[in-house]
Amino acid sequence: MSATQITVDGEAVDATAGSSLTAAFVAARRWRLRDNPVSGEPRGPFCGMGVCFECEVTVDGRPGVRACLTRVVPGMTVETGSR
């Protein structure tokens, strides 16, 4: 695995290629990944194994991608729902 950069909500974030996207968020201290569509409460990594859907983000234009199951690829663009 090697160091790389990805773009998260328009900002460059250092990450490790091949690690999970959730690991990159945690390393960058980004805990809020989206807001609950009903209550508006912040949501973020919870189960870490693809069961809970709390870490859904948009990756390279694809919505509903679970960050815990997605590997970091150099140059990927991620949009969270936490803006």
PDB file of N, CA and C in Angstrom:
ATOM      1  N   MET A   1       0.846  -1.179   0.000  1.00  0.00           N
ATOM      2  CA  MET A   1       0.000   0.000   0.000  1.00  0.00           C
ATOM      3  C   MET A   1       0.885   1.234   0.000  1.00  0.00           C
ATOM      4  N   SER A   2       0.431   2.245  -0.730  1.00  0.00           N
ATOM      5  CA  SER A   2       1.239   3.453  -0.837  1.00  0.00           C
ATOM      6  C   SER A   2       0.399   4.697  -0.567  1.00  0.00           C
ATOM      7  N   ALA A   3       1.087   5.749  -0.182  1.00  0.00           N
ATOM      8  CA  ALA A   3       0.420   7.015   0.106  1.00  0.00           C
ATOM      9  C   ALA A   3      -0.106   7.623  -1.189  1.00  0.00           C
ATOM     10  N   THR A   4      -1.266   8.233  -1.091  1.00  0.00           N
ATOM     11  CA  THR A   4      -1.884   8.882  -2.242  1.00  0.00           C
ATOM     12  C   THR A   4      -2.774  10.010  -1.748  1.00  0.00           C
ATOM     13  N   GLN A   5      -3.402  10.703  -2.658  1.00  0.00           N
ATOM     14  CA  GLN A   5      -4.375  11.727  -2.289  1.00  0.00           C
ATOM     15  C   GLN A   5      -5.693  11.437  -2.974  1.00  0.00           C
ATOM     16  N   ILE A   6      -6.767  11.729  -2.251  1.00  0.00           N
ATOM     17  CA  ILE A   6      -8.107  11.671  -2.804  1.00  0.00           C
ATOM     18  C   ILE A   6      -8.748  13.030  -2.527  1.00  0.00           C
ATOM     19  N   THR A   7      -9.857  13.294  -3.186  1.00  0.00           N
ATOM     20  CA  THR A   7     -10.579  14.541  -2.957  1.00  0.00           C
ATOM     21  C   THR A   7     -11.869  14.226  -2.221  1.00  0.00           C
ATOM     22  N   VAL A   8     -12.068  14.896  -1.089  1.00  0.00           N
ATOM     23  CA  VAL A   8     -13.277  14.706  -0.286  1.00  0.00           C
ATOM     24  C   VAL A   8     -13.940  16.061  -0.112  1.00  0.00           C
ATOM     25  N   ASP A   9     -15.136  16.181  -0.627  1.00  0.00           N
ATOM     26  CA  ASP A   9     -15.886  17.442  -0.561  1.00  0.00           C
ATOM     27  C   ASP A   9     -15.044  18.618  -1.038  1.00  0.00           C
ATOM     28  N   GLY A  10     -14.286  18.395  -2.108  1.00  0.00           N
ATOM     29  CA  GLY A  10     -13.494  19.453  -2.721  1.00  0.00           C
ATOM     30  C   GLY A  10     -12.138  19.706  -2.096  1.00  0.00           C
ATOM     31  N   GLU A  11     -11.794  18.966  -1.040  1.00  0.00           N
ATOM     32  CA  GLU A  11     -10.506  19.154  -0.362  1.00  0.00           C
ATOM     33  C   GLU A  11      -9.616  17.938  -0.560  1.00  0.00           C
ATOM     34  N   ALA A  12      -8.309  18.169  -0.722  1.00  0.00           N
ATOM     35  CA  ALA A  12      -7.347  17.071  -0.839  1.00  0.00           C
ATOM     36  C   ALA A  12      -7.181  16.404   0.523  1.00  0.00           C
ATOM     37  N   VAL A  13      -7.211  15.088   0.527  1.00  0.00           N
ATOM     38  CA  VAL A  13      -7.057  14.304   1.749  1.00  0.00           C
ATOM     39  C   VAL A  13      -6.002  13.231   1.494  1.00  0.00           C
ATOM     40  N   ASP A  14      -5.023  13.133   2.380  1.00  0.00           N
ATOM     41  CA  ASP A  14      -4.018  12.086   2.285  1.00  0.00           C
ATOM     42  C   ASP A  14      -4.652  10.758   2.671  1.00  0.00           C
ATOM     43  N   ALA A  15      -4.329   9.718   1.932  1.00  0.00           N
ATOM     44  CA  ALA A  15      -4.887   8.395   2.202  1.00  0.00           C
ATOM     45  C   ALA A  15      -3.867   7.334   1.797  1.00  0.00           C
ATOM     46  N   THR A  16      -4.170   6.112   2.128  1.00  0.00           N
ATOM     47  CA  THR A  16      -3.336   4.982   1.741  1.00  0.00           C
ATOM     48  C   THR A  16      -4.070   4.172   0.689  1.00  0.00           C
ATOM     49  N   ALA A  17      -3.501   4.085  -0.494  1.00  0.00           N
ATOM     50  CA  ALA A  17      -4.119   3.317  -1.577  1.00  0.00           C
ATOM     51  C   ALA A  17      -4.333   1.877  -1.113  1.00  0.00           C
ATOM     52  N   GLY A  18      -5.526   1.359  -1.365  1.00  0.00           N
ATOM     53  CA  GLY A  18      -5.850  -0.006  -0.990  1.00  0.00           C
ATOM     54  C   GLY A  18      -6.517  -0.153   0.358  1.00  0.00           C
ATOM     55  N   SER A  19      -6.410   0.871   1.207  1.00  0.00           N
ATOM     56  CA  SER A  19      -7.106   0.806   2.499  1.00  0.00           C
ATOM     57  C   SER A  19      -8.571   1.148   2.280  1.00  0.00           C
ATOM     58  N   SER A  20      -9.388   0.929   3.288  1.00  0.00           N
ATOM     59  CA  SER A  20     -10.801   1.267   3.130  1.00  0.00           C
ATOM     60  C   SER A  20     -10.972   2.784   3.161  1.00  0.00           C
ATOM     61  N   LEU A  21     -11.995   3.228   2.489  1.00  0.00           N
ATOM     62  CA  LEU A  21     -12.301   4.651   2.481  1.00  0.00           C
ATOM     63  C   LEU A  21     -12.641   5.121   3.894  1.00  0.00           C
ATOM     64  N   THR A  22     -13.290   4.287   4.677  1.00  0.00           N
ATOM     65  CA  THR A  22     -13.589   4.630   6.068  1.00  0.00           C
ATOM     66  C   THR A  22     -12.298   4.861   6.843  1.00  0.00           C
ATOM     67  N   ALA A  23     -11.279   4.029   6.625  1.00  0.00           N
ATOM     68  CA  ALA A  23      -9.997   4.215   7.304  1.00  0.00           C
ATOM     69  C   ALA A  23      -9.393   5.565   6.940  1.00  0.00           C
ATOM     70  N   ALA A  24      -9.531   5.978   5.694  1.00  0.00           N
ATOM     71  CA  ALA A  24      -9.023   7.286   5.275  1.00  0.00           C
ATOM     72  C   ALA A  24      -9.782   8.410   5.976  1.00  0.00           C
ATOM     73  N   PHE A  25     -11.102   8.264   6.109  1.00  0.00           N
ATOM     74  CA  PHE A  25     -11.891   9.278   6.814  1.00  0.00           C
ATOM     75  C   PHE A  25     -11.478   9.382   8.279  1.00  0.00           C
ATOM     76  N   VAL A  26     -11.329   8.254   8.931  1.00  0.00           N
ATOM     77  CA  VAL A  26     -10.951   8.246  10.346  1.00  0.00           C
ATOM     78  C   VAL A  26      -9.564   8.856  10.528  1.00  0.00           C
ATOM     79  N   ALA A  27      -8.619   8.498   9.663  1.00  0.00           N
ATOM     80  CA  ALA A  27      -7.265   9.048   9.747  1.00  0.00           C
ATOM     81  C   ALA A  27      -7.271  10.563   9.548  1.00  0.00           C
ATOM     82  N   ALA A  28      -8.203  11.053   8.728  1.00  0.00           N
ATOM     83  CA  ALA A  28      -8.321  12.491   8.477  1.00  0.00           C
ATOM     84  C   ALA A  28      -9.237  13.178   9.489  1.00  0.00           C
ATOM     85  N   ARG A  29      -9.695  12.413  10.482  1.00  0.00           N
ATOM     86  CA  ARG A  29     -10.597  12.916  11.525  1.00  0.00           C
ATOM     87  C   ARG A  29     -11.914  13.450  10.962  1.00  0.00           C
ATOM     88  N   ARG A  30     -12.415  12.759   9.959  1.00  0.00           N
ATOM     89  CA  ARG A  30     -13.705  13.101   9.351  1.00  0.00           C
ATOM     90  C   ARG A  30     -14.705  12.046   9.798  1.00  0.00           C
ATOM     91  N   TRP A  31     -15.465  12.355  10.819  1.00  0.00           N
ATOM     92  CA  TRP A  31     -16.404  11.386  11.386  1.00  0.00           C
ATOM     93  C   TRP A  31     -17.805  11.544  10.820  1.00  0.00           C
ATOM     94  N   ARG A  32     -18.156  12.733  10.390  1.00  0.00           N
ATOM     95  CA  ARG A  32     -19.501  12.981   9.865  1.00  0.00           C
ATOM     96  C   ARG A  32     -19.493  12.762   8.357  1.00  0.00           C
ATOM     97  N   LEU A  33     -20.203  11.736   7.909  1.00  0.00           N
ATOM     98  CA  LEU A  33     -20.205  11.402   6.485  1.00  0.00           C
ATOM     99  C   LEU A  33     -21.500  11.764   5.784  1.00  0.00           C
ATOM    100  N   ARG A  34     -22.556  11.895   6.532  1.00  0.00           N
ATOM    101  CA  ARG A  34     -23.844  12.285   5.957  1.00  0.00           C
ATOM    102  C   ARG A  34     -24.778  12.662   7.088  1.00  0.00           C
ATOM    103  N   ASP A  35     -25.936  13.166   6.737  1.00  0.00           N
ATOM    104  CA  ASP A  35     -26.973  13.469   7.718  1.00  0.00           C
ATOM    105  C   ASP A  35     -28.153  12.541   7.477  1.00  0.00           C
ATOM    106  N   ASN A  36     -28.796  12.115   8.544  1.00  0.00           N
ATOM    107  CA  ASN A  36     -29.977  11.285   8.418  1.00  0.00           C
ATOM    108  C   ASN A  36     -31.032  12.075   7.657  1.00  0.00           C
ATOM    109  N   PRO A  37     -31.613  11.514   6.592  1.00  0.00           N
ATOM    110  CA  PRO A  37     -32.570  12.263   5.782  1.00  0.00           C
ATOM    111  C   PRO A  37     -33.860  12.631   6.505  1.00  0.00           C
ATOM    112  N   VAL A  38     -34.184  11.937   7.584  1.00  0.00           N
ATOM    113  CA  VAL A  38     -35.420  12.215   8.315  1.00  0.00           C
ATOM    114  C   VAL A  38     -35.160  13.147   9.497  1.00  0.00           C
ATOM    115  N   SER A  39     -34.212  12.788  10.349  1.00  0.00           N
ATOM    116  CA  SER A  39     -33.981  13.550  11.574  1.00  0.00           C
ATOM    117  C   SER A  39     -32.923  14.648  11.419  1.00  0.00           C
ATOM    118  N   GLY A  40     -32.068  14.515  10.405  1.00  0.00           N
ATOM    119  CA  GLY A  40     -30.994  15.487  10.226  1.00  0.00           C
ATOM    120  C   GLY A  40     -29.782  15.228  11.109  1.00  0.00           C
ATOM    121  N   GLU A  41     -29.837  14.152  11.901  1.00  0.00           N
ATOM    122  CA  GLU A  41     -28.714  13.831  12.792  1.00  0.00           C
ATOM    123  C   GLU A  41     -27.494  13.407  11.982  1.00  0.00           C
ATOM    124  N   PRO A  42     -26.289  13.755  12.453  1.00  0.00           N
ATOM    125  CA  PRO A  42     -25.081  13.343  11.746  1.00  0.00           C
ATOM    126  C   PRO A  42     -24.883  11.832  11.813  1.00  0.00           C
ATOM    127  N   ARG A  43     -24.398  11.262  10.724  1.00  0.00           N
ATOM    128  CA  ARG A  43     -24.139   9.826  10.644  1.00  0.00           C
ATOM    129  C   ARG A  43     -22.699   9.628  10.200  1.00  0.00           C
ATOM    130  N   GLY A  44     -22.115   8.513  10.573  1.00  0.00           N
ATOM    131  CA  GLY A  44     -20.739   8.223  10.204  1.00  0.00           C
ATOM    132  C   GLY A  44     -20.456   6.750  10.342  1.00  0.00           C
ATOM    133  N   PRO A  45     -19.201   6.362  10.329  1.00  0.00           N
ATOM    134  CA  PRO A  45     -18.843   4.948  10.435  1.00  0.00           C
ATOM    135  C   PRO A  45     -19.439   4.338  11.704  1.00  0.00           C
ATOM    136  N   PHE A  46     -20.012   3.153  11.551  1.00  0.00           N
ATOM    137  CA  PHE A  46     -20.607   2.494  12.709  1.00  0.00           C
ATOM    138  C   PHE A  46     -20.144   1.041  12.796  1.00  0.00           C
ATOM    139  N   CYS A  47     -20.568   0.204  11.847  1.00  0.00           N
ATOM    140  CA  CYS A  47     -20.247  -1.226  11.959  1.00  0.00           C
ATOM    141  C   CYS A  47     -18.906  -1.577  11.318  1.00  0.00           C
ATOM    142  N   GLY A  48     -18.515  -0.870  10.280  1.00  0.00           N
ATOM    143  CA  GLY A  48     -17.244  -1.122   9.625  1.00  0.00           C
ATOM    144  C   GLY A  48     -17.197  -2.381   8.777  1.00  0.00           C
ATOM    145  N   MET A  49     -18.347  -3.012   8.529  1.00  0.00           N
ATOM    146  CA  MET A  49     -18.335  -4.236   7.733  1.00  0.00           C
ATOM    147  C   MET A  49     -19.476  -4.329   6.727  1.00  0.00           C
ATOM    148  N   GLY A  50     -20.099  -3.193   6.415  1.00  0.00           N
ATOM    149  CA  GLY A  50     -21.092  -3.163   5.352  1.00  0.00           C
ATOM    150  C   GLY A  50     -22.495  -3.568   5.710  1.00  0.00           C
ATOM    151  N   VAL A  51     -22.813  -3.634   6.996  1.00  0.00           N
ATOM    152  CA  VAL A  51     -24.137  -4.070   7.408  1.00  0.00           C
ATOM    153  C   VAL A  51     -25.088  -2.891   7.633  1.00  0.00           C
ATOM    154  N   CYS A  52     -24.587  -1.787   8.169  1.00  0.00           N
ATOM    155  CA  CYS A  52     -25.479  -0.736   8.671  1.00  0.00           C
ATOM    156  C   CYS A  52     -25.819   0.386   7.688  1.00  0.00           C
ATOM    157  N   PHE A  53     -25.068   0.595   6.644  1.00  0.00           N
ATOM    158  CA  PHE A  53     -25.306   1.636   5.647  1.00  0.00           C
ATOM    159  C   PHE A  53     -25.118   3.063   6.173  1.00  0.00           C
ATOM    160  N   GLU A  54     -24.516   3.236   7.333  1.00  0.00           N
ATOM    161  CA  GLU A  54     -24.322   4.572   7.903  1.00  0.00           C
ATOM    162  C   GLU A  54     -23.200   5.349   7.216  1.00  0.00           C
ATOM    163  N   CYS A  55     -22.331   4.670   6.486  1.00  0.00           N
ATOM    164  CA  CYS A  55     -21.174   5.334   5.882  1.00  0.00           C
ATOM    165  C   CYS A  55     -21.345   5.575   4.387  1.00  0.00           C
ATOM    166  N   GLU A  56     -22.581   5.611   3.911  1.00  0.00           N
ATOM    167  CA  GLU A  56     -22.804   5.823   2.484  1.00  0.00           C
ATOM    168  C   GLU A  56     -22.332   7.202   2.041  1.00  0.00           C
ATOM    169  N   VAL A  57     -21.584   7.225   0.950  1.00  0.00           N
ATOM    170  CA  VAL A  57     -21.066   8.453   0.344  1.00  0.00           C
ATOM    171  C   VAL A  57     -21.209   8.322  -1.176  1.00  0.00           C
ATOM    172  N   THR A  58     -20.867   9.371  -1.891  1.00  0.00           N
ATOM    173  CA  THR A  58     -20.843   9.339  -3.352  1.00  0.00           C
ATOM    174  C   THR A  58     -19.386   9.262  -3.787  1.00  0.00           C
ATOM    175  N   VAL A  59     -19.056   8.262  -4.579  1.00  0.00           N
ATOM    176  CA  VAL A  59     -17.684   8.060  -5.044  1.00  0.00           C
ATOM    177  C   VAL A  59     -17.664   8.154  -6.561  1.00  0.00           C
ATOM    178  N   ASP A  60     -16.884   9.098  -7.064  1.00  0.00           N
ATOM    179  CA  ASP A  60     -16.759   9.293  -8.513  1.00  0.00           C
ATOM    180  C   ASP A  60     -18.126   9.344  -9.196  1.00  0.00           C
ATOM    181  N   GLY A  61     -19.070  10.058  -8.552  1.00  0.00           N
ATOM    182  CA  GLY A  61     -20.403  10.246  -9.112  1.00  0.00           C
ATOM    183  C   GLY A  61     -21.397   9.142  -8.819  1.00  0.00           C
ATOM    184  N   ARG A  62     -20.982   8.057  -8.170  1.00  0.00           N
ATOM    185  CA  ARG A  62     -21.870   6.951  -7.825  1.00  0.00           C
ATOM    186  C   ARG A  62     -22.391   7.126  -6.404  1.00  0.00           C
ATOM    187  N   PRO A  63     -23.673   7.432  -6.222  1.00  0.00           N
ATOM    188  CA  PRO A  63     -24.214   7.609  -4.865  1.00  0.00           C
ATOM    189  C   PRO A  63     -24.430   6.264  -4.174  1.00  0.00           C
ATOM    190  N   GLY A  64     -24.548   6.309  -2.849  1.00  0.00           N
ATOM    191  CA  GLY A  64     -24.888   5.124  -2.076  1.00  0.00           C
ATOM    192  C   GLY A  64     -23.769   4.114  -1.938  1.00  0.00           C
ATOM    193  N   VAL A  65     -22.530   4.565  -2.035  1.00  0.00           N
ATOM    194  CA  VAL A  65     -21.380   3.670  -1.903  1.00  0.00           C
ATOM    195  C   VAL A  65     -21.002   3.568  -0.430  1.00  0.00           C
ATOM    196  N   ARG A  66     -20.875   2.354   0.080  1.00  0.00           N
ATOM    197  CA  ARG A  66     -20.488   2.173   1.474  1.00  0.00           C
ATOM    198  C   ARG A  66     -18.973   2.331   1.605  1.00  0.00           C
ATOM    199  N   ALA A  67     -18.561   3.320   2.375  1.00  0.00           N
ATOM    200  CA  ALA A  67     -17.140   3.653   2.519  1.00  0.00           C
ATOM    201  C   ALA A  67     -16.349   2.526   3.160  1.00  0.00           C
ATOM    202  N   CYS A  68     -16.970   1.755   4.020  1.00  0.00           N
ATOM    203  CA  CYS A  68     -16.239   0.682   4.706  1.00  0.00           C
ATOM    204  C   CYS A  68     -15.898  -0.472   3.773  1.00  0.00           C
ATOM    205  N   LEU A  69     -16.611  -0.599   2.658  1.00  0.00           N
ATOM    206  CA  LEU A  69     -16.374  -1.680   1.711  1.00  0.00           C
ATOM    207  C   LEU A  69     -15.625  -1.224   0.464  1.00  0.00           C
ATOM    208  N   THR A  70     -15.274   0.051   0.412  1.00  0.00           N
ATOM    209  CA  THR A  70     -14.649   0.629  -0.774  1.00  0.00           C
ATOM    210  C   THR A  70     -13.181   0.903  -0.518  1.00  0.00           C
ATOM    211  N   ARG A  71     -12.337   0.440  -1.412  1.00  0.00           N
ATOM    212  CA  ARG A  71     -10.895   0.634  -1.293  1.00  0.00           C
ATOM    213  C   ARG A  71     -10.487   1.957  -1.925  1.00  0.00           C
ATOM    214  N   VAL A  72      -9.522   2.624  -1.292  1.00  0.00           N
ATOM    215  CA  VAL A  72      -9.001   3.893  -1.801  1.00  0.00           C
ATOM    216  C   VAL A  72      -8.240   3.646  -3.097  1.00  0.00           C
ATOM    217  N   VAL A  73      -8.575   4.449  -4.108  1.00  0.00           N
ATOM    218  CA  VAL A  73      -7.896   4.427  -5.391  1.00  0.00           C
ATOM    219  C   VAL A  73      -7.346   5.835  -5.621  1.00  0.00           C
ATOM    220  N   PRO A  74      -6.088   5.973  -6.030  1.00  0.00           N
ATOM    221  CA  PRO A  74      -5.524   7.303  -6.247  1.00  0.00           C
ATOM    222  C   PRO A  74      -6.424   8.155  -7.148  1.00  0.00           C
ATOM    223  N   GLY A  75      -6.655   9.385  -6.720  1.00  0.00           N
ATOM    224  CA  GLY A  75      -7.421  10.335  -7.507  1.00  0.00           C
ATOM    225  C   GLY A  75      -8.926  10.242  -7.377  1.00  0.00           C
ATOM    226  N   MET A  76      -9.433   9.336  -6.557  1.00  0.00           N
ATOM    227  CA  MET A  76     -10.885   9.218  -6.435  1.00  0.00           C
ATOM    228  C   MET A  76     -11.483  10.488  -5.840  1.00  0.00           C
ATOM    229  N   THR A  77     -12.713  10.767  -6.218  1.00  0.00           N
ATOM    230  CA  THR A  77     -13.431  11.929  -5.709  1.00  0.00           C
ATOM    231  C   THR A  77     -14.619  11.447  -4.888  1.00  0.00           C
ATOM    232  N   VAL A  78     -14.698  11.951  -3.659  1.00  0.00           N
ATOM    233  CA  VAL A  78     -15.737  11.515  -2.732  1.00  0.00           C
ATOM    234  C   VAL A  78     -16.537  12.733  -2.278  1.00  0.00           C
ATOM    235  N   GLU A  79     -17.832  12.574  -2.251  1.00  0.00           N
ATOM    236  CA  GLU A  79     -18.712  13.610  -1.712  1.00  0.00           C
ATOM    237  C   GLU A  79     -19.506  13.001  -0.566  1.00  0.00           C
ATOM    238  N   THR A  80     -19.433  13.664   0.572  1.00  0.00           N
ATOM    239  CA  THR A  80     -20.231  13.227   1.712  1.00  0.00           C
ATOM    240  C   THR A  80     -21.501  14.050   1.713  1.00  0.00           C
ATOM    241  N   GLY A  81     -22.438  13.669   2.517  1.00  0.00           N
ATOM    242  CA  GLY A  81     -23.678  14.431   2.628  1.00  0.00           C
ATOM    243  C   GLY A  81     -23.668  15.342   3.840  1.00  0.00           C
ATOM    244  N   SER A  82     -22.461  15.730   4.280  1.00  0.00           N
ATOM    245  CA  SER A  82     -22.360  16.471   5.542  1.00  0.00           C
ATOM    246  C   SER A  82     -21.996  17.936   5.359  1.00  0.00           C
ATOM    247  N   ARG A  83     -22.218  18.467   4.198  1.00  0.00           N
ATOM    248  CA  ARG A  83     -21.844  19.866   3.964  1.00  0.00           C
ATOM    249  C   ARG A  83     -22.805  20.822   4.576  1.00  0.00           C
TER     250      ARG A  83
END
